[in-house]
N, C-alpha and C. Protein backbone atom coordinates (compact mmCIF):
# COMPACT_ATOMS: atom_id res chain seq x y z
N MET A 1 15.75 33.39 -6.58
CA MET A 1 15.16 32.34 -7.38
C MET A 1 14.28 32.97 -8.45
N ASN A 2 14.36 32.45 -9.66
CA ASN A 2 13.62 33.00 -10.77
C ASN A 2 12.27 32.29 -10.87
N HIS A 3 11.17 33.02 -10.75
CA HIS A 3 9.84 32.41 -10.73
C HIS A 3 9.13 32.66 -12.05
N ARG A 4 9.43 31.84 -13.04
CA ARG A 4 8.75 31.94 -14.32
C ARG A 4 7.76 30.79 -14.42
N PHE A 5 6.49 31.11 -14.44
CA PHE A 5 5.45 30.11 -14.50
C PHE A 5 5.14 29.81 -15.96
N LYS A 6 5.70 28.71 -16.48
CA LYS A 6 5.55 28.39 -17.90
C LYS A 6 4.93 27.02 -18.14
N THR A 7 5.05 26.10 -17.21
CA THR A 7 4.58 24.73 -17.42
C THR A 7 3.08 24.64 -17.14
N PRO A 8 2.30 24.09 -18.08
CA PRO A 8 0.85 23.99 -17.85
C PRO A 8 0.51 22.93 -16.80
N LEU A 9 -0.50 23.22 -16.00
CA LEU A 9 -0.92 22.36 -14.90
C LEU A 9 -2.44 22.42 -14.82
N THR A 10 -3.09 21.26 -14.72
CA THR A 10 -4.55 21.20 -14.60
C THR A 10 -4.89 20.65 -13.23
N VAL A 11 -5.82 21.29 -12.55
CA VAL A 11 -6.22 20.89 -11.20
C VAL A 11 -7.60 20.25 -11.25
N TYR A 12 -7.74 19.09 -10.59
CA TYR A 12 -9.02 18.40 -10.49
C TYR A 12 -9.40 18.27 -9.03
N ARG A 13 -10.67 18.51 -8.72
CA ARG A 13 -11.17 18.33 -7.37
C ARG A 13 -11.70 16.91 -7.21
N VAL A 14 -11.47 16.34 -6.06
CA VAL A 14 -11.97 15.01 -5.76
C VAL A 14 -13.31 15.18 -5.06
N GLY A 15 -14.30 14.44 -5.48
CA GLY A 15 -15.62 14.61 -4.90
C GLY A 15 -16.24 13.32 -4.43
N ASN A 16 -17.33 13.44 -3.69
CA ASN A 16 -18.14 12.32 -3.21
C ASN A 16 -17.38 11.37 -2.29
N LYS A 17 -16.35 11.83 -1.63
CA LYS A 17 -15.61 11.01 -0.67
C LYS A 17 -15.44 11.84 0.60
N ARG A 18 -15.50 11.17 1.72
CA ARG A 18 -15.23 11.84 3.00
C ARG A 18 -14.37 10.94 3.85
N ASP A 19 -13.43 11.54 4.55
CA ASP A 19 -12.64 10.78 5.50
C ASP A 19 -12.91 11.35 6.90
N ASP A 20 -12.13 10.92 7.87
CA ASP A 20 -12.35 11.35 9.25
C ASP A 20 -12.17 12.86 9.45
N ASN A 21 -11.33 13.47 8.64
CA ASN A 21 -11.07 14.91 8.77
C ASN A 21 -11.95 15.76 7.86
N ASN A 22 -12.89 15.13 7.12
CA ASN A 22 -13.77 15.83 6.18
C ASN A 22 -13.00 16.64 5.15
N LEU A 23 -11.94 16.05 4.61
CA LEU A 23 -11.14 16.76 3.62
C LEU A 23 -11.88 16.96 2.31
N PHE A 24 -12.81 16.07 1.96
CA PHE A 24 -13.43 16.12 0.65
C PHE A 24 -14.88 16.59 0.69
N ASP A 25 -15.38 17.11 1.80
CA ASP A 25 -16.81 17.31 1.95
C ASP A 25 -17.38 18.46 1.12
N VAL A 26 -16.62 19.49 0.80
CA VAL A 26 -17.17 20.63 0.08
C VAL A 26 -16.66 20.70 -1.36
N ARG A 27 -16.08 19.65 -1.86
CA ARG A 27 -15.47 19.69 -3.18
C ARG A 27 -16.35 19.02 -4.21
N GLU A 28 -16.39 19.58 -5.38
CA GLU A 28 -17.15 19.02 -6.48
C GLU A 28 -16.19 18.34 -7.45
N PRO A 29 -16.58 17.20 -7.99
CA PRO A 29 -15.68 16.51 -8.92
C PRO A 29 -15.57 17.27 -10.24
N GLY A 30 -14.49 17.05 -10.92
CA GLY A 30 -14.29 17.66 -12.23
C GLY A 30 -13.13 18.63 -12.24
N GLN A 31 -12.86 19.16 -13.43
CA GLN A 31 -11.74 20.07 -13.60
C GLN A 31 -12.03 21.37 -12.88
N SER A 32 -11.09 21.80 -12.07
CA SER A 32 -11.25 23.01 -11.30
C SER A 32 -10.66 24.22 -12.03
N THR A 33 -9.41 24.11 -12.42
CA THR A 33 -8.74 25.25 -13.05
C THR A 33 -7.52 24.77 -13.82
N THR A 34 -7.02 25.63 -14.69
CA THR A 34 -5.77 25.40 -15.42
C THR A 34 -4.82 26.53 -15.05
N LEU A 35 -3.60 26.16 -14.68
CA LEU A 35 -2.61 27.13 -14.20
C LEU A 35 -1.31 27.00 -14.98
N LYS A 36 -0.43 27.93 -14.76
CA LYS A 36 0.96 27.82 -15.19
C LYS A 36 1.79 27.66 -13.93
N CYS A 37 2.79 26.78 -13.96
CA CYS A 37 3.60 26.51 -12.77
C CYS A 37 5.06 26.41 -13.15
N HIS A 38 5.92 26.27 -12.16
CA HIS A 38 7.32 25.94 -12.42
C HIS A 38 7.73 24.79 -11.50
N LEU A 39 8.55 23.91 -12.02
CA LEU A 39 9.01 22.75 -11.27
C LEU A 39 10.26 23.14 -10.48
N ILE A 40 10.23 22.83 -9.20
CA ILE A 40 11.35 23.18 -8.34
C ILE A 40 12.27 21.98 -8.15
N LYS A 41 11.67 20.83 -7.81
CA LYS A 41 12.48 19.66 -7.48
C LYS A 41 11.69 18.39 -7.79
N THR A 42 12.40 17.34 -8.20
CA THR A 42 11.80 16.02 -8.42
C THR A 42 12.61 14.99 -7.66
N GLU A 43 11.92 14.14 -6.89
CA GLU A 43 12.56 13.05 -6.17
C GLU A 43 11.92 11.74 -6.61
N ILE A 44 12.75 10.72 -6.85
CA ILE A 44 12.24 9.41 -7.23
C ILE A 44 12.82 8.39 -6.27
N SER A 45 11.93 7.61 -5.65
CA SER A 45 12.37 6.52 -4.79
C SER A 45 11.61 5.26 -5.20
N ASP A 46 12.17 4.11 -4.88
CA ASP A 46 11.53 2.87 -5.32
C ASP A 46 11.06 2.05 -4.14
N LYS A 47 10.04 1.25 -4.38
CA LYS A 47 9.54 0.29 -3.41
C LYS A 47 10.09 -1.06 -3.84
N THR A 48 11.08 -1.55 -3.16
CA THR A 48 11.72 -2.79 -3.59
C THR A 48 10.96 -4.02 -3.12
N ASP A 49 10.00 -3.86 -2.21
CA ASP A 49 9.29 -5.02 -1.70
C ASP A 49 8.13 -5.44 -2.59
N THR A 50 7.85 -4.72 -3.66
CA THR A 50 6.75 -5.07 -4.54
C THR A 50 7.28 -5.57 -5.88
N LYS A 51 6.52 -6.45 -6.49
CA LYS A 51 6.84 -6.95 -7.83
C LYS A 51 5.65 -6.68 -8.72
N PRO A 52 5.74 -6.03 -9.85
CA PRO A 52 6.93 -5.37 -10.37
C PRO A 52 7.31 -4.16 -9.52
N VAL A 53 8.51 -3.68 -9.70
CA VAL A 53 9.02 -2.58 -8.90
C VAL A 53 8.18 -1.33 -9.15
N MET A 54 7.76 -0.70 -8.07
CA MET A 54 6.98 0.54 -8.14
C MET A 54 7.89 1.70 -7.73
N TYR A 55 7.74 2.81 -8.41
CA TYR A 55 8.50 4.01 -8.09
C TYR A 55 7.54 5.07 -7.56
N ILE A 56 7.98 5.81 -6.56
CA ILE A 56 7.22 6.93 -6.02
C ILE A 56 7.89 8.20 -6.51
N ILE A 57 7.14 9.01 -7.24
CA ILE A 57 7.67 10.27 -7.77
C ILE A 57 7.08 11.40 -6.95
N LYS A 58 7.93 12.21 -6.35
CA LYS A 58 7.49 13.39 -5.60
C LYS A 58 8.03 14.62 -6.30
N LYS A 59 7.15 15.55 -6.57
CA LYS A 59 7.54 16.79 -7.22
C LYS A 59 7.19 17.97 -6.34
N THR A 60 8.08 18.93 -6.27
CA THR A 60 7.82 20.20 -5.62
C THR A 60 7.55 21.20 -6.73
N ILE A 61 6.36 21.80 -6.69
CA ILE A 61 5.87 22.64 -7.78
C ILE A 61 5.52 24.02 -7.23
N GLY A 62 5.92 25.04 -7.93
CA GLY A 62 5.56 26.41 -7.55
C GLY A 62 4.41 26.90 -8.41
N VAL A 63 3.38 27.46 -7.77
CA VAL A 63 2.22 28.03 -8.46
C VAL A 63 2.00 29.44 -7.92
N PRO A 64 1.23 30.27 -8.64
CA PRO A 64 0.92 31.59 -8.09
C PRO A 64 0.19 31.49 -6.76
N LYS A 65 0.43 32.44 -5.89
CA LYS A 65 -0.14 32.39 -4.54
C LYS A 65 -1.66 32.45 -4.55
N SER A 66 -2.24 33.06 -5.56
CA SER A 66 -3.70 33.18 -5.65
C SER A 66 -4.37 31.94 -6.23
N ALA A 67 -3.60 30.90 -6.56
CA ALA A 67 -4.16 29.69 -7.17
C ALA A 67 -5.06 28.95 -6.19
N ASP A 68 -6.14 28.39 -6.71
CA ASP A 68 -7.11 27.65 -5.90
C ASP A 68 -6.73 26.17 -5.90
N VAL A 69 -5.66 25.83 -5.20
CA VAL A 69 -5.20 24.45 -5.08
C VAL A 69 -5.13 24.12 -3.61
N GLN A 70 -5.69 22.98 -3.23
CA GLN A 70 -5.72 22.58 -1.83
C GLN A 70 -5.15 21.18 -1.69
N ILE A 71 -4.86 20.81 -0.45
CA ILE A 71 -4.39 19.46 -0.17
C ILE A 71 -5.47 18.47 -0.59
N SER A 72 -5.08 17.36 -1.16
CA SER A 72 -5.90 16.25 -1.65
C SER A 72 -6.53 16.54 -3.01
N ASP A 73 -6.18 17.63 -3.68
CA ASP A 73 -6.57 17.82 -5.08
C ASP A 73 -5.68 16.95 -5.95
N GLU A 74 -6.17 16.61 -7.12
CA GLU A 74 -5.34 15.90 -8.09
C GLU A 74 -4.92 16.90 -9.15
N ILE A 75 -3.65 16.79 -9.57
CA ILE A 75 -3.15 17.67 -10.62
C ILE A 75 -2.61 16.81 -11.76
N VAL A 76 -2.70 17.32 -12.95
CA VAL A 76 -2.16 16.64 -14.12
C VAL A 76 -1.01 17.49 -14.63
N LEU A 77 0.16 16.88 -14.65
CA LEU A 77 1.38 17.56 -15.08
C LEU A 77 2.09 16.65 -16.06
N SER A 78 2.26 17.09 -17.29
CA SER A 78 2.91 16.32 -18.35
C SER A 78 2.24 14.96 -18.56
N GLY A 79 0.93 14.92 -18.50
CA GLY A 79 0.19 13.70 -18.77
C GLY A 79 0.12 12.71 -17.63
N ARG A 80 0.65 13.05 -16.48
CA ARG A 80 0.65 12.14 -15.33
C ARG A 80 -0.12 12.77 -14.18
N ARG A 81 -0.94 11.97 -13.49
CA ARG A 81 -1.76 12.47 -12.37
C ARG A 81 -0.99 12.37 -11.07
N TYR A 82 -0.98 13.46 -10.32
CA TYR A 82 -0.34 13.54 -9.01
C TYR A 82 -1.38 13.93 -7.98
N LEU A 83 -1.14 13.55 -6.74
CA LEU A 83 -1.98 13.93 -5.62
C LEU A 83 -1.23 14.97 -4.80
N VAL A 84 -1.87 16.10 -4.51
CA VAL A 84 -1.24 17.15 -3.71
C VAL A 84 -1.27 16.72 -2.25
N ILE A 85 -0.09 16.57 -1.63
CA ILE A 85 -0.02 16.10 -0.25
C ILE A 85 0.41 17.20 0.72
N ASP A 86 0.87 18.35 0.20
CA ASP A 86 1.24 19.45 1.07
C ASP A 86 1.21 20.75 0.27
N ALA A 87 0.83 21.84 0.90
CA ALA A 87 0.82 23.16 0.28
C ALA A 87 1.45 24.14 1.27
N ASN A 88 2.51 24.79 0.84
CA ASN A 88 3.27 25.69 1.71
C ASN A 88 3.31 27.08 1.09
N PRO A 89 2.61 28.07 1.65
CA PRO A 89 2.64 29.41 1.06
C PRO A 89 3.98 30.09 1.30
N ARG A 90 4.50 30.70 0.28
CA ARG A 90 5.73 31.49 0.36
C ARG A 90 5.36 32.96 0.25
N ARG A 91 6.35 33.81 0.04
CA ARG A 91 6.07 35.25 0.01
C ARG A 91 5.23 35.65 -1.21
N TYR A 92 5.65 35.24 -2.41
CA TYR A 92 4.95 35.65 -3.63
C TYR A 92 4.31 34.48 -4.37
N TRP A 93 4.55 33.26 -3.94
CA TRP A 93 4.03 32.09 -4.62
C TRP A 93 3.75 30.99 -3.61
N MET A 94 3.13 29.90 -4.06
CA MET A 94 2.80 28.78 -3.18
C MET A 94 3.54 27.54 -3.68
N GLU A 95 4.09 26.79 -2.75
CA GLU A 95 4.85 25.59 -3.07
C GLU A 95 3.99 24.37 -2.77
N LEU A 96 3.79 23.50 -3.77
CA LEU A 96 3.00 22.29 -3.62
C LEU A 96 3.92 21.08 -3.63
N LEU A 97 3.61 20.10 -2.79
CA LEU A 97 4.30 18.83 -2.83
C LEU A 97 3.30 17.82 -3.36
N ALA A 98 3.61 17.21 -4.51
CA ALA A 98 2.70 16.27 -5.15
C ALA A 98 3.40 14.93 -5.32
N SER A 99 2.62 13.85 -5.29
CA SER A 99 3.20 12.51 -5.32
C SER A 99 2.36 11.60 -6.21
N CYS A 100 3.01 10.62 -6.83
CA CYS A 100 2.29 9.56 -7.56
C CYS A 100 3.14 8.30 -7.56
N GLU A 101 2.49 7.16 -7.79
CA GLU A 101 3.16 5.87 -7.90
C GLU A 101 3.15 5.43 -9.35
N VAL A 102 4.28 4.91 -9.82
CA VAL A 102 4.43 4.51 -11.21
C VAL A 102 5.06 3.12 -11.24
N LYS A 103 4.57 2.25 -12.14
CA LYS A 103 5.21 0.95 -12.33
C LYS A 103 6.57 1.16 -12.98
N GLY A 104 7.45 0.21 -12.75
CA GLY A 104 8.82 0.32 -13.26
C GLY A 104 8.90 0.46 -14.78
N ASN A 105 8.04 -0.25 -15.51
CA ASN A 105 8.11 -0.18 -16.97
C ASN A 105 7.41 1.06 -17.51
N ASP A 106 6.61 1.77 -16.73
CA ASP A 106 5.94 3.00 -17.18
C ASP A 106 6.79 4.23 -16.96
N ARG A 107 7.87 4.10 -16.23
CA ARG A 107 8.68 5.24 -15.86
C ARG A 107 9.43 5.75 -17.05
């Protein structure tokens, strides 16, 4: 697989919120870092039970292994905000699974 990190990505930390697992307790709000990434896969599924129709976009994104990205960070990719829901370290890079909901007419 060719790992060329060319797509710009901005990472934002979520702050002032805590859940039962204390996921947000040590994070400060605001822009954390700017990275270069590569897109691996995009999946789009729809929620047919809502009006207007909502789409869930899931992207698998590759970033350098040394990147400071954690689960529950928000990332901005191509002008759209995604929530990081999984981070899987690979040999030379880290794979992020990010998700967002979009209205049907905004897609």
